[in-house]
Amino acid sequence: MCEDAPPGRTIPRAELERLARLFDRFEFALDPLSRTAREA
């Protein structure tokens, strides 16, 4: 179990930050069909 995650069914902070960055890349992409946006 990840040490920075509280017990229970939670997402570790590092994973949440990574997912938030990917979401931002996708949501605010100038071209939503670009390769970068699709990868995000």
Protein backbone atom coordinates (compact mmCIF):
# COMPACT_ATOMS: atom_id res chain seq x y z
CA MET A 1 0.00 0.00 0.00
CA CYS A 2 1.18 3.50 -0.76
CA GLU A 3 2.47 5.26 2.32
CA ASP A 4 0.97 8.68 1.50
CA ALA A 5 -2.58 7.33 1.11
CA PRO A 6 -4.89 7.07 4.09
CA PRO A 7 -6.43 3.66 4.73
CA GLY A 8 -9.53 2.78 2.75
CA ARG A 9 -10.41 3.19 -0.88
CA THR A 10 -8.65 6.43 -1.74
CA ILE A 11 -6.35 7.55 -4.53
CA PRO A 12 -2.81 8.41 -3.44
CA ARG A 13 -1.97 12.11 -3.71
CA ALA A 14 0.72 11.58 -6.36
CA GLU A 15 -1.72 9.64 -8.59
CA LEU A 16 -4.41 12.29 -8.15
CA GLU A 17 -1.95 15.02 -9.17
CA ARG A 18 -0.89 13.01 -12.24
CA LEU A 19 -4.52 12.49 -13.26
CA ALA A 20 -5.29 16.19 -12.76
CA ARG A 21 -2.39 17.16 -15.06
CA LEU A 22 -3.63 14.75 -17.73
CA PHE A 23 -7.15 16.12 -17.42
CA ASP A 24 -5.90 19.70 -17.80
CA ARG A 25 -3.92 18.75 -20.92
CA PHE A 26 -7.05 17.19 -22.43
CA GLU A 27 -9.66 19.70 -21.27
CA PHE A 28 -7.75 22.85 -22.26
CA ALA A 29 -6.16 21.56 -25.47
CA LEU A 30 -6.51 23.99 -28.36
CA ASP A 31 -7.12 21.04 -30.67
CA PRO A 32 -8.99 18.25 -28.87
CA LEU A 33 -8.17 15.87 -31.73
CA SER A 34 -4.41 16.45 -31.51
CA ARG A 35 -2.14 13.56 -30.58
CA THR A 36 -1.24 15.19 -27.24
CA ALA A 37 -4.90 15.60 -26.26
CA ARG A 38 -5.75 12.04 -27.26
CA GLU A 39 -2.80 10.68 -25.27
CA ALA A 40 -3.92 12.65 -22.22
